[in-house]
Amino acid sequence: MKPFKPPTPELAKSILGEVDFHDRLIGHRLRERIGPVPVSLYSFEEVVRFLADDFPQIDLDDLKAWVGEKIGDADLARAIEEISRREMDEAEKILHIRGLMAARLGQSRRIARLP
């Protein structure tokens, strides 16, 4: 997969911001005794942290749509779709996607001059 072009300042602002309640992304954390626990995710950074959980559960099609439509990052949405179609374990897919999202978050922070 080729590296992404740096985001525009507008895209970086979107990546570093939060979405409204109706635009949030829903994931689930699996817990041993209680099962899946729903999690509302309002920011790109929250999604990156969520994907670092031991057992994150998220619909990759929903994630792709959220990144493309709500955040506005078409390049990353295409990469998520490509990874989601690969023949590999779901945990591996999540690991690859998290890496791409973390890199994109870092690019956005550099553009916004944030630590």
PDB file of N, CA and C in Angstrom:
ATOM      1  N   MET A   1       0.854  -1.184   0.000  1.00  0.00           N
ATOM      2  CA  MET A   1       0.000   0.000   0.000  1.00  0.00           C
ATOM      3  C   MET A   1       0.893   1.239   0.000  1.00  0.00           C
ATOM      4  N   LYS A   2       0.629   2.157  -0.899  1.00  0.00           N
ATOM      5  CA  LYS A   2       1.451   3.356  -0.987  1.00  0.00           C
ATOM      6  C   LYS A   2       1.118   4.323   0.149  1.00  0.00           C
ATOM      7  N   PRO A   3       2.113   5.144   0.553  1.00  0.00           N
ATOM      8  CA  PRO A   3       1.865   6.107   1.636  1.00  0.00           C
ATOM      9  C   PRO A   3       0.861   7.177   1.202  1.00  0.00           C
ATOM     10  N   PHE A   4       0.186   7.711   2.182  1.00  0.00           N
ATOM     11  CA  PHE A   4      -0.793   8.768   1.912  1.00  0.00           C
ATOM     12  C   PHE A   4      -0.094  10.102   1.720  1.00  0.00           C
ATOM     13  N   LYS A   5      -0.708  10.942   0.880  1.00  0.00           N
ATOM     14  CA  LYS A   5      -0.285  12.338   0.821  1.00  0.00           C
ATOM     15  C   LYS A   5      -0.668  12.960   2.168  1.00  0.00           C
ATOM     16  N   PRO A   6       0.089  13.954   2.626  1.00  0.00           N
ATOM     17  CA  PRO A   6      -0.305  14.620   3.866  1.00  0.00           C
ATOM     18  C   PRO A   6      -1.706  15.223   3.717  1.00  0.00           C
ATOM     19  N   PRO A   7      -2.460  15.229   4.798  1.00  0.00           N
ATOM     20  CA  PRO A   7      -3.809  15.811   4.714  1.00  0.00           C
ATOM     21  C   PRO A   7      -3.747  17.321   4.536  1.00  0.00           C
ATOM     22  N   THR A   8      -4.774  17.839   3.920  1.00  0.00           N
ATOM     23  CA  THR A   8      -4.889  19.298   3.818  1.00  0.00           C
ATOM     24  C   THR A   8      -5.148  19.851   5.219  1.00  0.00           C
ATOM     25  N   PRO A   9      -4.940  21.141   5.428  1.00  0.00           N
ATOM     26  CA  PRO A   9      -5.252  21.716   6.742  1.00  0.00           C
ATOM     27  C   PRO A   9      -6.716  21.486   7.150  1.00  0.00           C
ATOM     28  N   GLU A  10      -7.634  21.527   6.175  1.00  0.00           N
ATOM     29  CA  GLU A  10      -9.051  21.303   6.480  1.00  0.00           C
ATOM     30  C   GLU A  10      -9.293  19.863   6.928  1.00  0.00           C
ATOM     31  N   LEU A  11      -8.658  18.911   6.236  1.00  0.00           N
ATOM     32  CA  LEU A  11      -8.806  17.511   6.617  1.00  0.00           C
ATOM     33  C   LEU A  11      -8.155  17.260   7.972  1.00  0.00           C
ATOM     34  N   ALA A  12      -6.997  17.843   8.203  1.00  0.00           N
ATOM     35  CA  ALA A  12      -6.334  17.687   9.502  1.00  0.00           C
ATOM     36  C   ALA A  12      -7.237  18.193  10.625  1.00  0.00           C
ATOM     37  N   LYS A  13      -7.901  19.303  10.386  1.00  0.00           N
ATOM     38  CA  LYS A  13      -8.819  19.856  11.388  1.00  0.00           C
ATOM     39  C   LYS A  13      -9.968  18.876  11.651  1.00  0.00           C
ATOM     40  N   SER A  14     -10.487  18.268  10.614  1.00  0.00           N
ATOM     41  CA  SER A  14     -11.563  17.291  10.762  1.00  0.00           C
ATOM     42  C   SER A  14     -11.076  16.062  11.531  1.00  0.00           C
ATOM     43  N   ILE A  15      -9.880  15.592  11.202  1.00  0.00           N
ATOM     44  CA  ILE A  15      -9.312  14.427  11.881  1.00  0.00           C
ATOM     45  C   ILE A  15      -9.079  14.717  13.357  1.00  0.00           C
ATOM     46  N   LEU A  16      -8.715  15.929  13.683  1.00  0.00           N
ATOM     47  CA  LEU A  16      -8.421  16.290  15.065  1.00  0.00           C
ATOM     48  C   LEU A  16      -9.653  16.746  15.848  1.00  0.00           C
ATOM     49  N   GLY A  17     -10.777  16.885  15.172  1.00  0.00           N
ATOM     50  CA  GLY A  17     -11.996  17.360  15.824  1.00  0.00           C
ATOM     51  C   GLY A  17     -12.889  16.231  16.299  1.00  0.00           C
ATOM     52  N   GLU A  18     -14.103  16.586  16.640  1.00  0.00           N
ATOM     53  CA  GLU A  18     -15.114  15.628  17.068  1.00  0.00           C
ATOM     54  C   GLU A  18     -16.333  15.746  16.171  1.00  0.00           C
ATOM     55  N   VAL A  19     -17.067  14.651  16.080  1.00  0.00           N
ATOM     56  CA  VAL A  19     -18.313  14.661  15.312  1.00  0.00           C
ATOM     57  C   VAL A  19     -19.487  14.848  16.268  1.00  0.00           C
ATOM     58  N   ASP A  20     -20.628  15.205  15.721  1.00  0.00           N
ATOM     59  CA  ASP A  20     -21.839  15.351  16.516  1.00  0.00           C
ATOM     60  C   ASP A  20     -22.357  13.989  16.978  1.00  0.00           C
ATOM     61  N   PHE A  21     -23.269  14.025  17.915  1.00  0.00           N
ATOM     62  CA  PHE A  21     -23.860  12.806  18.476  1.00  0.00           C
ATOM     63  C   PHE A  21     -24.389  11.878  17.387  1.00  0.00           C
ATOM     64  N   HIS A  22     -25.103  12.424  16.436  1.00  0.00           N
ATOM     65  CA  HIS A  22     -25.727  11.606  15.394  1.00  0.00           C
ATOM     66  C   HIS A  22     -24.714  11.037  14.401  1.00  0.00           C
ATOM     67  N   ASP A  23     -23.504  11.593  14.404  1.00  0.00           N
ATOM     68  CA  ASP A  23     -22.463  11.125  13.488  1.00  0.00           C
ATOM     69  C   ASP A  23     -21.435  10.230  14.171  1.00  0.00           C
ATOM     70  N   ARG A  24     -21.663   9.895  15.423  1.00  0.00           N
ATOM     71  CA  ARG A  24     -20.702   9.079  16.161  1.00  0.00           C
ATOM     72  C   ARG A  24     -20.617   7.680  15.564  1.00  0.00           C
ATOM     73  N   LEU A  25     -19.538   6.998  15.895  1.00  0.00           N
ATOM     74  CA  LEU A  25     -19.307   5.625  15.470  1.00  0.00           C
ATOM     75  C   LEU A  25     -19.499   4.733  16.691  1.00  0.00           C
ATOM     76  N   ILE A  26     -20.139   3.591  16.511  1.00  0.00           N
ATOM     77  CA  ILE A  26     -20.367   2.674  17.618  1.00  0.00           C
ATOM     78  C   ILE A  26     -19.484   1.441  17.447  1.00  0.00           C
ATOM     79  N   GLY A  27     -18.768   1.126  18.502  1.00  0.00           N
ATOM     80  CA  GLY A  27     -17.973  -0.093  18.560  1.00  0.00           C
ATOM     81  C   GLY A  27     -18.362  -0.857  19.810  1.00  0.00           C
ATOM     82  N   HIS A  28     -17.737  -1.985  20.018  1.00  0.00           N
ATOM     83  CA  HIS A  28     -17.995  -2.791  21.213  1.00  0.00           C
ATOM     84  C   HIS A  28     -16.679  -3.305  21.774  1.00  0.00           C
ATOM     85  N   ARG A  29     -16.566  -3.239  23.076  1.00  0.00           N
ATOM     86  CA  ARG A  29     -15.443  -3.864  23.772  1.00  0.00           C
ATOM     87  C   ARG A  29     -15.948  -5.168  24.352  1.00  0.00           C
ATOM     88  N   LEU A  30     -15.237  -6.240  24.101  1.00  0.00           N
ATOM     89  CA  LEU A  30     -15.632  -7.526  24.661  1.00  0.00           C
ATOM     90  C   LEU A  30     -15.058  -7.660  26.057  1.00  0.00           C
ATOM     91  N   ARG A  31     -15.918  -7.985  26.996  1.00  0.00           N
ATOM     92  CA  ARG A  31     -15.506  -8.185  28.382  1.00  0.00           C
ATOM     93  C   ARG A  31     -15.908  -9.581  28.820  1.00  0.00           C
ATOM     94  N   GLU A  32     -15.031 -10.197  29.569  1.00  0.00           N
ATOM     95  CA  GLU A  32     -15.165 -11.605  29.916  1.00  0.00           C
ATOM     96  C   GLU A  32     -16.504 -11.965  30.552  1.00  0.00           C
ATOM     97  N   ARG A  33     -16.936 -11.243  31.510  1.00  0.00           N
ATOM     98  CA  ARG A  33     -18.142 -11.629  32.240  1.00  0.00           C
ATOM     99  C   ARG A  33     -19.433 -11.029  31.707  1.00  0.00           C
ATOM    100  N   ILE A  34     -19.302  -9.920  31.003  1.00  0.00           N
ATOM    101  CA  ILE A  34     -20.542  -9.273  30.563  1.00  0.00           C
ATOM    102  C   ILE A  34     -20.725  -9.268  29.047  1.00  0.00           C
ATOM    103  N   GLY A  35     -19.705  -9.680  28.312  1.00  0.00           N
ATOM    104  CA  GLY A  35     -19.816  -9.732  26.857  1.00  0.00           C
ATOM    105  C   GLY A  35     -19.534  -8.391  26.213  1.00  0.00           C
ATOM    106  N   PRO A  36     -20.158  -8.118  25.068  1.00  0.00           N
ATOM    107  CA  PRO A  36     -19.881  -6.870  24.351  1.00  0.00           C
ATOM    108  C   PRO A  36     -20.481  -5.647  25.055  1.00  0.00           C
ATOM    109  N   VAL A  37     -19.650  -4.626  25.215  1.00  0.00           N
ATOM    110  CA  VAL A  37     -20.072  -3.371  25.835  1.00  0.00           C
ATOM    111  C   VAL A  37     -20.019  -2.293  24.757  1.00  0.00           C
ATOM    112  N   PRO A  38     -21.158  -1.666  24.436  1.00  0.00           N
ATOM    113  CA  PRO A  38     -21.140  -0.633  23.387  1.00  0.00           C
ATOM    114  C   PRO A  38     -20.320   0.585  23.801  1.00  0.00           C
ATOM    115  N   VAL A  39     -19.645   1.169  22.813  1.00  0.00           N
ATOM    116  CA  VAL A  39     -18.816   2.353  23.027  1.00  0.00           C
ATOM    117  C   VAL A  39     -19.147   3.359  21.934  1.00  0.00           C
ATOM    118  N   SER A  40     -19.483   4.574  22.328  1.00  0.00           N
ATOM    119  CA  SER A  40     -19.714   5.662  21.367  1.00  0.00           C
ATOM    120  C   SER A  40     -18.394   6.380  21.128  1.00  0.00           C
ATOM    121  N   LEU A  41     -18.043   6.532  19.876  1.00  0.00           N
ATOM    122  CA  LEU A  41     -16.772   7.154  19.501  1.00  0.00           C
ATOM    123  C   LEU A  41     -17.053   8.428  18.715  1.00  0.00           C
ATOM    124  N   TYR A  42     -16.525   9.535  19.228  1.00  0.00           N
ATOM    125  CA  TYR A  42     -16.817  10.842  18.650  1.00  0.00           C
ATOM    126  C   TYR A  42     -15.641  11.471  17.913  1.00  0.00           C
ATOM    127  N   SER A  43     -14.462  10.889  18.064  1.00  0.00           N
ATOM    128  CA  SER A  43     -13.300  11.487  17.399  1.00  0.00           C
ATOM    129  C   SER A  43     -12.406  10.410  16.801  1.00  0.00           C
ATOM    130  N   PHE A  44     -11.626  10.815  15.853  1.00  0.00           N
ATOM    131  CA  PHE A  44     -10.669   9.949  15.182  1.00  0.00           C
ATOM    132  C   PHE A  44      -9.697   9.379  16.212  1.00  0.00           C
ATOM    133  N   GLU A  45      -9.226  10.242  17.107  1.00  0.00           N
ATOM    134  CA  GLU A  45      -8.282   9.799  18.137  1.00  0.00           C
ATOM    135  C   GLU A  45      -8.915   8.758  19.060  1.00  0.00           C
ATOM    136  N   GLU A  46     -10.176   8.945  19.408  1.00  0.00           N
ATOM    137  CA  GLU A  46     -10.868   7.942  20.220  1.00  0.00           C
ATOM    138  C   GLU A  46     -10.918   6.593  19.510  1.00  0.00           C
ATOM    139  N   VAL A  47     -11.123   6.607  18.204  1.00  0.00           N
ATOM    140  CA  VAL A  47     -11.168   5.364  17.441  1.00  0.00           C
ATOM    141  C   VAL A  47      -9.804   4.685  17.463  1.00  0.00           C
ATOM    142  N   VAL A  48      -8.739   5.460  17.306  1.00  0.00           N
ATOM    143  CA  VAL A  48      -7.383   4.887  17.350  1.00  0.00           C
ATOM    144  C   VAL A  48      -7.141   4.230  18.712  1.00  0.00           C
ATOM    145  N   ARG A  49      -7.503   4.914  19.784  1.00  0.00           N
ATOM    146  CA  ARG A  49      -7.333   4.329  21.131  1.00  0.00           C
ATOM    147  C   ARG A  49      -8.220   3.099  21.308  1.00  0.00           C
ATOM    148  N   PHE A  50      -9.444   3.171  20.816  1.00  0.00           N
ATOM    149  CA  PHE A  50     -10.369   2.044  20.912  1.00  0.00           C
ATOM    150  C   PHE A  50      -9.803   0.816  20.205  1.00  0.00           C
ATOM    151  N   LEU A  51      -9.208   1.008  19.038  1.00  0.00           N
ATOM    152  CA  LEU A  51      -8.661  -0.114  18.284  1.00  0.00           C
ATOM    153  C   LEU A  51      -7.456  -0.743  18.974  1.00  0.00           C
ATOM    154  N   ALA A  52      -6.880  -0.063  19.970  1.00  0.00           N
ATOM    155  CA  ALA A  52      -5.771  -0.613  20.741  1.00  0.00           C
ATOM    156  C   ALA A  52      -6.268  -1.488  21.901  1.00  0.00           C
ATOM    157  N   ASP A  53      -7.564  -1.530  22.119  1.00  0.00           N
ATOM    158  CA  ASP A  53      -8.141  -2.367  23.173  1.00  0.00           C
ATOM    159  C   ASP A  53      -7.805  -3.828  22.891  1.00  0.00           C
ATOM    160  N   ASP A  54      -7.853  -4.656  23.916  1.00  0.00           N
ATOM    161  CA  ASP A  54      -7.552  -6.081  23.738  1.00  0.00           C
ATOM    162  C   ASP A  54      -8.503  -6.762  22.755  1.00  0.00           C
ATOM    163  N   PHE A  55      -9.775  -6.426  22.824  1.00  0.00           N
ATOM    164  CA  PHE A  55     -10.771  -7.094  21.977  1.00  0.00           C
ATOM    165  C   PHE A  55     -11.759  -6.094  21.382  1.00  0.00           C
ATOM    166  N   PRO A  56     -11.279  -5.180  20.527  1.00  0.00           N
ATOM    167  CA  PRO A  56     -12.212  -4.218  19.933  1.00  0.00           C
ATOM    168  C   PRO A  56     -13.071  -4.899  18.870  1.00  0.00           C
ATOM    169  N   GLN A  57     -14.341  -4.581  18.851  1.00  0.00           N
ATOM    170  CA  GLN A  57     -15.256  -5.095  17.847  1.00  0.00           C
ATOM    171  C   GLN A  57     -15.867  -3.896  17.135  1.00  0.00           C
ATOM    172  N   ILE A  58     -15.643  -3.851  15.820  1.00  0.00           N
ATOM    173  CA  ILE A  58     -16.177  -2.740  15.046  1.00  0.00           C
ATOM    174  C   ILE A  58     -16.464  -3.243  13.641  1.00  0.00           C
ATOM    175  N   ASP A  59     -17.544  -2.790  13.078  1.00  0.00           N
ATOM    176  CA  ASP A  59     -17.876  -3.150  11.711  1.00  0.00           C
ATOM    177  C   ASP A  59     -16.963  -2.346  10.788  1.00  0.00           C
ATOM    178  N   LEU A  60     -16.124  -3.032  10.027  1.00  0.00           N
ATOM    179  CA  LEU A  60     -15.153  -2.335   9.189  1.00  0.00           C
ATOM    180  C   LEU A  60     -15.808  -1.538   8.065  1.00  0.00           C
ATOM    181  N   ASP A  61     -16.970  -1.972   7.600  1.00  0.00           N
ATOM    182  CA  ASP A  61     -17.692  -1.180   6.603  1.00  0.00           C
ATOM    183  C   ASP A  61     -18.191   0.126   7.220  1.00  0.00           C
ATOM    184  N   ASP A  62     -18.667   0.057   8.465  1.00  0.00           N
ATOM    185  CA  ASP A  62     -19.089   1.277   9.168  1.00  0.00           C
ATOM    186  C   ASP A  62     -17.904   2.210   9.393  1.00  0.00           C
ATOM    187  N   LEU A  63     -16.764   1.633   9.775  1.00  0.00           N
ATOM    188  CA  LEU A  63     -15.561   2.440  10.002  1.00  0.00           C
ATOM    189  C   LEU A  63     -15.131   3.121   8.709  1.00  0.00           C
ATOM    190  N   LYS A  64     -15.119   2.373   7.612  1.00  0.00           N
ATOM    191  CA  LYS A  64     -14.747   2.941   6.312  1.00  0.00           C
ATOM    192  C   LYS A  64     -15.678   4.099   5.946  1.00  0.00           C
ATOM    193  N   ALA A  65     -16.978   3.887   6.116  1.00  0.00           N
ATOM    194  CA  ALA A  65     -17.951   4.934   5.795  1.00  0.00           C
ATOM    195  C   ALA A  65     -17.763   6.153   6.701  1.00  0.00           C
ATOM    196  N   TRP A  66     -17.537   5.915   7.979  1.00  0.00           N
ATOM    197  CA  TRP A  66     -17.362   7.010   8.945  1.00  0.00           C
ATOM    198  C   TRP A  66     -16.140   7.840   8.575  1.00  0.00           C
ATOM    199  N   VAL A  67     -15.026   7.172   8.287  1.00  0.00           N
ATOM    200  CA  VAL A  67     -13.793   7.875   7.921  1.00  0.00           C
ATOM    201  C   VAL A  67     -13.987   8.646   6.614  1.00  0.00           C
ATOM    202  N   GLY A  68     -14.650   8.044   5.656  1.00  0.00           N
ATOM    203  CA  GLY A  68     -14.838   8.701   4.364  1.00  0.00           C
ATOM    204  C   GLY A  68     -15.868   9.803   4.379  1.00  0.00           C
ATOM    205  N   GLU A  69     -17.015   9.547   5.014  1.00  0.00           N
ATOM    206  CA  GLU A  69     -18.139  10.487   4.959  1.00  0.00           C
ATOM    207  C   GLU A  69     -18.137  11.511   6.091  1.00  0.00           C
ATOM    208  N   LYS A  70     -17.888  11.086   7.306  1.00  0.00           N
ATOM    209  CA  LYS A  70     -17.963  12.007   8.452  1.00  0.00           C
ATOM    210  C   LYS A  70     -16.665  12.762   8.677  1.00  0.00           C
ATOM    211  N   ILE A  71     -15.526  12.068   8.471  1.00  0.00           N
ATOM    212  CA  ILE A  71     -14.228  12.714   8.645  1.00  0.00           C
ATOM    213  C   ILE A  71     -13.784  13.358   7.330  1.00  0.00           C
ATOM    214  N   GLY A  72     -14.097  12.731   6.216  1.00  0.00           N
ATOM    215  CA  GLY A  72     -13.762  13.294   4.913  1.00  0.00           C
ATOM    216  C   GLY A  72     -12.430  12.828   4.343  1.00  0.00           C
ATOM    217  N   ASP A  73     -11.924  11.695   4.836  1.00  0.00           N
ATOM    218  CA  ASP A  73     -10.636  11.184   4.363  1.00  0.00           C
ATOM    219  C   ASP A  73     -10.864  10.012   3.403  1.00  0.00           C
ATOM    220  N   ALA A  74     -11.015  10.331   2.141  1.00  0.00           N
ATOM    221  CA  ALA A  74     -11.303   9.311   1.126  1.00  0.00           C
ATOM    222  C   ALA A  74     -10.138   8.342   0.941  1.00  0.00           C
ATOM    223  N   ASP A  75      -8.896   8.835   1.029  1.00  0.00           N
ATOM    224  CA  ASP A  75      -7.729   7.960   0.870  1.00  0.00           C
ATOM    225  C   ASP A  75      -7.693   6.893   1.955  1.00  0.00           C
ATOM    226  N   LEU A  76      -7.896   7.305   3.181  1.00  0.00           N
ATOM    227  CA  LEU A  76      -7.880   6.356   4.294  1.00  0.00           C
ATOM    228  C   LEU A  76      -9.075   5.409   4.214  1.00  0.00           C
ATOM    229  N   ALA A  77     -10.213   5.902   3.810  1.00  0.00           N
ATOM    230  CA  ALA A  77     -11.394   5.044   3.659  1.00  0.00           C
ATOM    231  C   ALA A  77     -11.129   3.946   2.627  1.00  0.00           C
ATOM    232  N   ARG A  78     -10.480   4.288   1.524  1.00  0.00           N
ATOM    233  CA  ARG A  78     -10.134   3.277   0.510  1.00  0.00           C
ATOM    234  C   ARG A  78      -9.161   2.249   1.076  1.00  0.00           C
ATOM    235  N   ALA A  79      -8.195   2.704   1.865  1.00  0.00           N
ATOM    236  CA  ALA A  79      -7.227   1.787   2.473  1.00  0.00           C
ATOM    237  C   ALA A  79      -7.910   0.851   3.468  1.00  0.00           C
ATOM    238  N   ILE A  80      -8.862   1.364   4.240  1.00  0.00           N
ATOM    239  CA  ILE A  80      -9.610   0.528   5.176  1.00  0.00           C
ATOM    240  C   ILE A  80     -10.395  -0.526   4.409  1.00  0.00           C
ATOM    241  N   GLU A  81     -11.013  -0.118   3.312  1.00  0.00           N
ATOM    242  CA  GLU A  81     -11.757  -1.085   2.506  1.00  0.00           C
ATOM    243  C   GLU A  81     -10.836  -2.173   1.958  1.00  0.00           C
ATOM    244  N   GLU A  82      -9.673  -1.759   1.478  1.00  0.00           N
ATOM    245  CA  GLU A  82      -8.719  -2.729   0.935  1.00  0.00           C
ATOM    246  C   GLU A  82      -8.296  -3.734   2.013  1.00  0.00           C
ATOM    247  N   ILE A  83      -7.984  -3.248   3.181  1.00  0.00           N
ATOM    248  CA  ILE A  83      -7.577  -4.144   4.273  1.00  0.00           C
ATOM    249  C   ILE A  83      -8.732  -5.050   4.683  1.00  0.00           C
ATOM    250  N   SER A  84      -9.934  -4.503   4.739  1.00  0.00           N
ATOM    251  CA  SER A  84     -11.086  -5.305   5.184  1.00  0.00           C
ATOM    252  C   SER A  84     -11.400  -6.447   4.223  1.00  0.00           C
ATOM    253  N   ARG A  85     -10.985  -6.330   2.970  1.00  0.00           N
ATOM    254  CA  ARG A  85     -11.253  -7.368   1.970  1.00  0.00           C
ATOM    255  C   ARG A  85     -10.176  -8.458   1.948  1.00  0.00           C
ATOM    256  N   ARG A  86      -9.081  -8.237   2.633  1.00  0.00           N
ATOM    257  CA  ARG A  86      -7.984  -9.206   2.632  1.00  0.00           C
ATOM    258  C   ARG A  86      -8.364 -10.480   3.383  1.00  0.00           C
ATOM    259  N   GLU A  87      -7.738 -11.555   2.966  1.00  0.00           N
ATOM    260  CA  GLU A  87      -7.923 -12.846   3.633  1.00  0.00           C
ATOM    261  C   GLU A  87      -6.952 -12.915   4.810  1.00  0.00           C
ATOM    262  N   MET A  88      -7.393 -12.457   5.960  1.00  0.00           N
ATOM    263  CA  MET A  88      -6.583 -12.513   7.175  1.00  0.00           C
ATOM    264  C   MET A  88      -7.503 -12.445   8.378  1.00  0.00           C
ATOM    265  N   ASP A  89      -6.961 -12.773   9.497  1.00  0.00           N
ATOM    266  CA  ASP A  89      -7.683 -12.738  10.756  1.00  0.00           C
ATOM    267  C   ASP A  89      -8.203 -11.324  11.041  1.00  0.00           C
ATOM    268  N   GLU A  90      -9.368 -11.245  11.650  1.00  0.00           N
ATOM    269  CA  GLU A  90      -9.966  -9.932  11.970  1.00  0.00           C
ATOM    270  C   GLU A  90      -9.043  -9.089  12.852  1.00  0.00           C
ATOM    271  N   ALA A  91      -8.380  -9.730  13.803  1.00  0.00           N
ATOM    272  CA  ALA A  91      -7.460  -8.999  14.685  1.00  0.00           C
ATOM    273  C   ALA A  91      -6.305  -8.397  13.884  1.00  0.00           C
ATOM    274  N   GLU A  92      -5.821  -9.103  12.883  1.00  0.00           N
ATOM    275  CA  GLU A  92      -4.760  -8.570  12.022  1.00  0.00           C
ATOM    276  C   GLU A  92      -5.254  -7.366  11.226  1.00  0.00           C
ATOM    277  N   LYS A  93      -6.475  -7.457  10.729  1.00  0.00           N
ATOM    278  CA  LYS A  93      -7.051  -6.337   9.992  1.00  0.00           C
ATOM    279  C   LYS A  93      -7.109  -5.101  10.885  1.00  0.00           C
ATOM    280  N   ILE A  94      -7.603  -5.284  12.104  1.00  0.00           N
ATOM    281  CA  ILE A  94      -7.707  -4.173  13.062  1.00  0.00           C
ATOM    282  C   ILE A  94      -6.324  -3.575  13.331  1.00  0.00           C
ATOM    283  N   LEU A  95      -5.331  -4.430  13.498  1.00  0.00           N
ATOM    284  CA  LEU A  95      -3.966  -3.964  13.762  1.00  0.00           C
ATOM    285  C   LEU A  95      -3.443  -3.114  12.604  1.00  0.00           C
ATOM    286  N   HIS A  96      -3.648  -3.560  11.374  1.00  0.00           N
ATOM    287  CA  HIS A  96      -3.209  -2.793  10.203  1.00  0.00           C
ATOM    288  C   HIS A  96      -3.951  -1.458  10.106  1.00  0.00           C
ATOM    289  N   ILE A  97      -5.251  -1.505  10.304  1.00  0.00           N
ATOM    290  CA  ILE A  97      -6.055  -0.277  10.213  1.00  0.00           C
ATOM    291  C   ILE A  97      -5.661   0.698  11.303  1.00  0.00           C
ATOM    292  N   ARG A  98      -5.451   0.206  12.516  1.00  0.00           N
ATOM    293  CA  ARG A  98      -5.038   1.076  13.609  1.00  0.00           C
ATOM    294  C   ARG A  98      -3.709   1.764  13.271  1.00  0.00           C
ATOM    295  N   GLY A  99      -2.778   1.022  12.691  1.00  0.00           N
ATOM    296  CA  GLY A  99      -1.497   1.608  12.309  1.00  0.00           C
ATOM    297  C   GLY A  99      -1.655   2.734  11.292  1.00  0.00           C
ATOM    298  N   LEU A 100      -2.507   2.509  10.296  1.00  0.00           N
ATOM    299  CA  LEU A 100      -2.761   3.548   9.300  1.00  0.00           C
ATOM    300  C   LEU A 100      -3.413   4.775   9.926  1.00  0.00           C
ATOM    301  N   MET A 101      -4.386   4.526  10.808  1.00  0.00           N
ATOM    302  CA  MET A 101      -5.086   5.642  11.446  1.00  0.00           C
ATOM    303  C   MET A 101      -4.155   6.417  12.378  1.00  0.00           C
ATOM    304  N   ALA A 102      -3.293   5.712  13.095  1.00  0.00           N
ATOM    305  CA  ALA A 102      -2.345   6.385  13.991  1.00  0.00           C
ATOM    306  C   ALA A 102      -1.369   7.241  13.178  1.00  0.00           C
ATOM    307  N   ALA A 103      -0.927   6.720  12.040  1.00  0.00           N
ATOM    308  CA  ALA A 103      -0.030   7.496  11.182  1.00  0.00           C
ATOM    309  C   ALA A 103      -0.741   8.745  10.659  1.00  0.00           C
ATOM    310  N   ARG A 104      -2.001   8.594  10.267  1.00  0.00           N
ATOM    311  CA  ARG A 104      -2.777   9.728   9.755  1.00  0.00           C
ATOM    312  C   ARG A 104      -2.988  10.770  10.859  1.00  0.00           C
ATOM    313  N   LEU A 105      -3.217  10.299  12.070  1.00  0.00           N
ATOM    314  CA  LEU A 105      -3.375  11.202  13.211  1.00  0.00           C
ATOM    315  C   LEU A 105      -2.079  11.980  13.433  1.00  0.00           C
ATOM    316  N   GLY A 106      -0.950  11.301  13.345  1.00  0.00           N
ATOM    317  CA  GLY A 106       0.348  11.972  13.489  1.00  0.00           C
ATOM    318  C   GLY A 106       0.575  13.024  12.416  1.00  0.00           C
ATOM    319  N   GLN A 107       0.229  12.690  11.170  1.00  0.00           N
ATOM    320  CA  GLN A 107       0.347  13.673  10.080  1.00  0.00           C
ATOM    321  C   GLN A 107      -0.495  14.909  10.387  1.00  0.00           C
ATOM    322  N   SER A 108      -1.698  14.673  10.870  1.00  0.00           N
ATOM    323  CA  SER A 108      -2.616  15.791  11.146  1.00  0.00           C
ATOM    324  C   SER A 108      -2.088  16.661  12.273  1.00  0.00           C
ATOM    325  N   ARG A 109      -1.516  16.048  13.291  1.00  0.00           N
ATOM    326  CA  ARG A 109      -0.956  16.822  14.402  1.00  0.00           C
ATOM    327  C   ARG A 109       0.216  17.675  13.923  1.00  0.00           C
ATOM    328  N   ARG A 110       1.047  17.125  13.045  1.00  0.00           N
ATOM    329  CA  ARG A 110       2.189  17.902  12.525  1.00  0.00           C
ATOM    330  C   ARG A 110       1.688  19.097  11.722  1.00  0.00           C
ATOM    331  N   ILE A 111       0.645  18.893  10.930  1.00  0.00           N
ATOM    332  CA  ILE A 111       0.097  19.994  10.140  1.00  0.00           C
ATOM    333  C   ILE A 111      -0.498  21.062  11.052  1.00  0.00           C
ATOM    334  N   ALA A 112      -1.157  20.627  12.117  1.00  0.00           N
ATOM    335  CA  ALA A 112      -1.760  21.571  13.063  1.00  0.00           C
ATOM    336  C   ALA A 112      -0.747  22.061  14.105  1.00  0.00           C
ATOM    337  N   ARG A 113       0.474  21.519  14.027  1.00  0.00           N
ATOM    338  CA  ARG A 113       1.561  21.862  14.952  1.00  0.00           C
ATOM    339  C   ARG A 113       1.198  21.544  16.403  1.00  0.00           C
ATOM    340  N   LEU A 114       0.632  20.343  16.587  1.00  0.00           N
ATOM    341  CA  LEU A 114       0.301  19.860  17.916  1.00  0.00           C
ATOM    342  C   LEU A 114       1.279  18.756  18.299  1.00  0.00           C
ATOM    343  N   PRO A 115       1.533  18.568  19.598  1.00  0.00           N
ATOM    344  CA  PRO A 115       2.447  17.491  20.022  1.00  0.00           C
ATOM    345  C   PRO A 115       1.875  16.122  19.806  1.00  0.00           C
TER     346      PRO A 115
END
